[in-house]
Amino acid sequence: QVQLVESGGGLVQAGGSLRLSCAVSGRTSSGYFMGWFRQAPGKDRELAASISPGGIPSYADFVKGRFTISRDNAKKTVYLQMNSLKPEDTAVYYCAAKIPGVSQYSYWGQGTQVTVSS
């Protein structure tokens, strides 16, 4: 079992920055793919960024060039640095983990609210 706890959300003005953290506990986490999803009110949840066990990142087009995902396996923490935030980035952000070779993310955090004001 893996437990995920997000932190770092809040209210920021457009153009500002936030860094989200996801603390991972439980079974060995360094072998998992980690992802940051987001869900805005009335919209489907979408994958914003993911990172492989080896540290290779992948980004959705809507965050490319603005967000950076990273992981520190020694600290069992995954980060999402969000720069140049826009009002449309307002959403609940979720950290998730999945086993390599499995299509679905199996473990989810409780989410952290990010609100970007114009």
C-alpha atoms as a PDB file:
ATOM      1  CA  GLN A   1       0.000   0.000   0.000  1.00  0.00           C
ATOM      2  CA  VAL A   2       1.150   3.520  -0.811  1.00  0.00           C
ATOM      3  CA  GLN A   3      -0.075   6.691   0.845  1.00  0.00           C
ATOM      4  CA  LEU A   4       0.189  10.080  -0.831  1.00  0.00           C
ATOM      5  CA  VAL A   5      -0.208  13.461   0.852  1.00  0.00           C
ATOM      6  CA  GLU A   6      -0.162  16.686  -1.150  1.00  0.00           C
ATOM      7  CA  SER A   7       0.694  20.123   0.163  1.00  0.00           C
ATOM      8  CA  GLY A   8       1.565  23.554  -1.156  1.00  0.00           C
ATOM      9  CA  GLY A   9      -1.680  24.667  -2.739  1.00  0.00           C
ATOM     10  CA  GLY A  10      -3.149  28.097  -2.186  1.00  0.00           C
ATOM     11  CA  LEU A  11      -4.256  31.366  -3.716  1.00  0.00           C
ATOM     12  CA  VAL A  12      -1.926  33.187  -6.105  1.00  0.00           C
ATOM     13  CA  GLN A  13      -2.270  35.978  -8.626  1.00  0.00           C
ATOM     14  CA  ALA A  14      -1.970  35.323 -12.334  1.00  0.00           C
ATOM     15  CA  GLY A  15       1.681  35.186 -13.332  1.00  0.00           C
ATOM     16  CA  GLY A  16       2.719  33.904  -9.925  1.00  0.00           C
ATOM     17  CA  SER A  17       4.242  30.618  -8.839  1.00  0.00           C
ATOM     18  CA  LEU A  18       3.501  27.765  -6.481  1.00  0.00           C
ATOM     19  CA  ARG A  19       5.303  24.547  -5.661  1.00  0.00           C
ATOM     20  CA  LEU A  20       3.270  21.486  -4.799  1.00  0.00           C
ATOM     21  CA  SER A  21       4.747  18.619  -2.837  1.00  0.00           C
ATOM     22  CA  CYS A  22       3.605  15.018  -2.587  1.00  0.00           C
ATOM     23  CA  ALA A  23       4.931  12.996   0.326  1.00  0.00           C
ATOM     24  CA  VAL A  24       4.940   9.261  -0.358  1.00  0.00           C
ATOM     25  CA  SER A  25       4.851   6.625   2.351  1.00  0.00           C
ATOM     26  CA  GLY A  26       4.235   2.924   2.541  1.00  0.00           C
ATOM     27  CA  ARG A  27       5.774   0.439   0.189  1.00  0.00           C
ATOM     28  CA  THR A  28       8.938   1.325  -1.718  1.00  0.00           C
ATOM     29  CA  SER A  29       7.941   4.207  -3.936  1.00  0.00           C
ATOM     30  CA  SER A  30      11.035   4.738  -6.051  1.00  0.00           C
ATOM     31  CA  GLY A  31       9.833   2.218  -8.634  1.00  0.00           C
ATOM     32  CA  TYR A  32       6.493   3.905  -9.292  1.00  0.00           C
ATOM     33  CA  PHE A  33       5.513   6.311 -12.023  1.00  0.00           C
ATOM     34  CA  MET A  34       4.257   9.481 -10.356  1.00  0.00           C
ATOM     35  CA  GLY A  35       1.750  11.886 -11.803  1.00  0.00           C
ATOM     36  CA  TRP A  36       0.107  15.191 -11.030  1.00  0.00           C
ATOM     37  CA  PHE A  37      -3.507  15.412 -12.142  1.00  0.00           C
ATOM     38  CA  ARG A  38      -5.914  18.290 -11.836  1.00  0.00           C
ATOM     39  CA  GLN A  39      -9.654  18.689 -11.859  1.00  0.00           C
ATOM     40  CA  ALA A  40     -11.462  21.978 -12.280  1.00  0.00           C
ATOM     41  CA  PRO A  41     -15.144  22.366 -11.315  1.00  0.00           C
ATOM     42  CA  GLY A  42     -17.382  20.786 -13.907  1.00  0.00           C
ATOM     43  CA  LYS A  43     -14.473  19.339 -15.855  1.00  0.00           C
ATOM     44  CA  ASP A  44     -12.874  15.930 -16.149  1.00  0.00           C
ATOM     45  CA  ARG A  45      -9.697  15.135 -14.287  1.00  0.00           C
ATOM     46  CA  GLU A  46      -6.654  15.534 -16.533  1.00  0.00           C
ATOM     47  CA  LEU A  47      -3.017  14.546 -16.303  1.00  0.00           C
ATOM     48  CA  ALA A  48      -0.779  17.596 -16.121  1.00  0.00           C
ATOM     49  CA  ALA A  49       2.628  15.963 -15.685  1.00  0.00           C
ATOM     50  CA  SER A  50       4.224  12.627 -14.904  1.00  0.00           C
ATOM     51  CA  ILE A  51       7.675  11.337 -14.107  1.00  0.00           C
ATOM     52  CA  SER A  52       9.173   7.899 -14.566  1.00  0.00           C
ATOM     53  CA  PRO A  53      11.026   5.972 -11.854  1.00  0.00           C
ATOM     54  CA  GLY A  54      14.241   7.072 -13.562  1.00  0.00           C
ATOM     55  CA  GLY A  55      13.263  10.731 -13.499  1.00  0.00           C
ATOM     56  CA  ILE A  56      12.113  11.260 -17.096  1.00  0.00           C
ATOM     57  CA  PRO A  57       9.318  13.853 -17.146  1.00  0.00           C
ATOM     58  CA  SER A  58       6.347  14.156 -19.439  1.00  0.00           C
ATOM     59  CA  TYR A  59       3.981  17.131 -19.724  1.00  0.00           C
ATOM     60  CA  ALA A  60       0.577  17.932 -21.095  1.00  0.00           C
ATOM     61  CA  ASP A  61       0.645  20.664 -23.724  1.00  0.00           C
ATOM     62  CA  PHE A  62      -1.291  23.030 -21.499  1.00  0.00           C
ATOM     63  CA  VAL A  63       1.523  23.140 -18.890  1.00  0.00           C
ATOM     64  CA  LYS A  64       4.573  22.617 -21.068  1.00  0.00           C
ATOM     65  CA  GLY A  65       7.158  25.317 -20.488  1.00  0.00           C
ATOM     66  CA  ARG A  66       5.471  26.512 -17.292  1.00  0.00           C
ATOM     67  CA  PHE A  67       5.381  23.508 -14.947  1.00  0.00           C
ATOM     68  CA  THR A  68       8.243  21.267 -13.865  1.00  0.00           C
ATOM     69  CA  ILE A  69       7.821  17.873 -12.228  1.00  0.00           C
ATOM     70  CA  SER A  70      10.640  16.355 -10.204  1.00  0.00           C
ATOM     71  CA  ARG A  71      11.184  13.635  -7.654  1.00  0.00           C
ATOM     72  CA  ASP A  72      13.522  13.083  -4.749  1.00  0.00           C
ATOM     73  CA  ASN A  73      13.500   9.362  -4.056  1.00  0.00           C
ATOM     74  CA  ALA A  74      15.630   9.737  -0.938  1.00  0.00           C
ATOM     75  CA  LYS A  75      13.036  12.092   0.540  1.00  0.00           C
ATOM     76  CA  LYS A  76      10.147  10.108  -0.981  1.00  0.00           C
ATOM     77  CA  THR A  77       8.710  13.321  -2.354  1.00  0.00           C
ATOM     78  CA  VAL A  78       7.462  14.433  -5.748  1.00  0.00           C
ATOM     79  CA  TYR A  79       7.234  18.102  -6.645  1.00  0.00           C
ATOM     80  CA  LEU A  80       5.356  20.193  -9.157  1.00  0.00           C
ATOM     81  CA  GLN A  81       6.823  23.638  -9.679  1.00  0.00           C
ATOM     82  CA  MET A  82       4.199  25.822 -11.308  1.00  0.00           C
ATOM     83  CA  ASN A  83       5.260  29.125 -12.865  1.00  0.00           C
ATOM     84  CA  SER A  84       3.427  31.711 -14.949  1.00  0.00           C
ATOM     85  CA  LEU A  85       0.138  30.549 -13.483  1.00  0.00           C
ATOM     86  CA  LYS A  86      -3.077  31.413 -15.281  1.00  0.00           C
ATOM     87  CA  PRO A  87      -6.657  31.602 -13.986  1.00  0.00           C
ATOM     88  CA  GLU A  88      -7.434  28.497 -16.039  1.00  0.00           C
ATOM     89  CA  ASP A  89      -4.927  26.569 -13.911  1.00  0.00           C
ATOM     90  CA  THR A  90      -7.389  26.849 -11.018  1.00  0.00           C
ATOM     91  CA  ALA A  91      -8.229  23.303  -9.926  1.00  0.00           C
ATOM     92  CA  VAL A  92      -7.756  20.671  -7.279  1.00  0.00           C
ATOM     93  CA  TYR A  93      -4.391  19.053  -7.914  1.00  0.00           C
ATOM     94  CA  TYR A  94      -3.897  15.384  -7.119  1.00  0.00           C
ATOM     95  CA  CYS A  95      -0.751  13.339  -6.775  1.00  0.00           C
ATOM     96  CA  ALA A  96      -0.970   9.756  -8.033  1.00  0.00           C
ATOM     97  CA  ALA A  97       1.248   6.684  -8.347  1.00  0.00           C
ATOM     98  CA  LYS A  98       1.227   3.713 -10.662  1.00  0.00           C
ATOM     99  CA  ILE A  99       3.256   0.595 -11.191  1.00  0.00           C
ATOM    100  CA  PRO A 100       5.296   0.501 -14.442  1.00  0.00           C
ATOM    101  CA  GLY A 101       3.517  -1.497 -17.127  1.00  0.00           C
ATOM    102  CA  VAL A 102       0.087  -0.829 -15.631  1.00  0.00           C
ATOM    103  CA  SER A 103      -2.076   1.716 -17.434  1.00  0.00           C
ATOM    104  CA  GLN A 104      -4.083   2.983 -14.483  1.00  0.00           C
ATOM    105  CA  TYR A 105      -2.863   4.980 -11.525  1.00  0.00           C
ATOM    106  CA  SER A 106      -3.576   2.927  -8.428  1.00  0.00           C
ATOM    107  CA  TYR A 107      -2.871   5.308  -5.578  1.00  0.00           C
ATOM    108  CA  TRP A 108      -4.185   8.831  -5.056  1.00  0.00           C
ATOM    109  CA  GLY A 109      -3.741  11.651  -2.619  1.00  0.00           C
ATOM    110  CA  GLN A 110      -6.580  13.731  -1.206  1.00  0.00           C
ATOM    111  CA  GLY A 111      -5.830  16.735  -3.397  1.00  0.00           C
ATOM    112  CA  THR A 112      -4.781  20.310  -2.798  1.00  0.00           C
ATOM    113  CA  GLN A 113      -6.630  23.389  -4.061  1.00  0.00           C
ATOM    114  CA  VAL A 114      -4.858  25.832  -6.352  1.00  0.00           C
ATOM    115  CA  THR A 115      -6.667  29.077  -7.103  1.00  0.00           C
ATOM    116  CA  VAL A 116      -5.260  31.629  -9.533  1.00  0.00           C
ATOM    117  CA  SER A 117      -6.864  35.053  -9.489  1.00  0.00           C
ATOM    118  CA  SER A 118      -6.886  37.364 -12.480  1.00  0.00           C
END
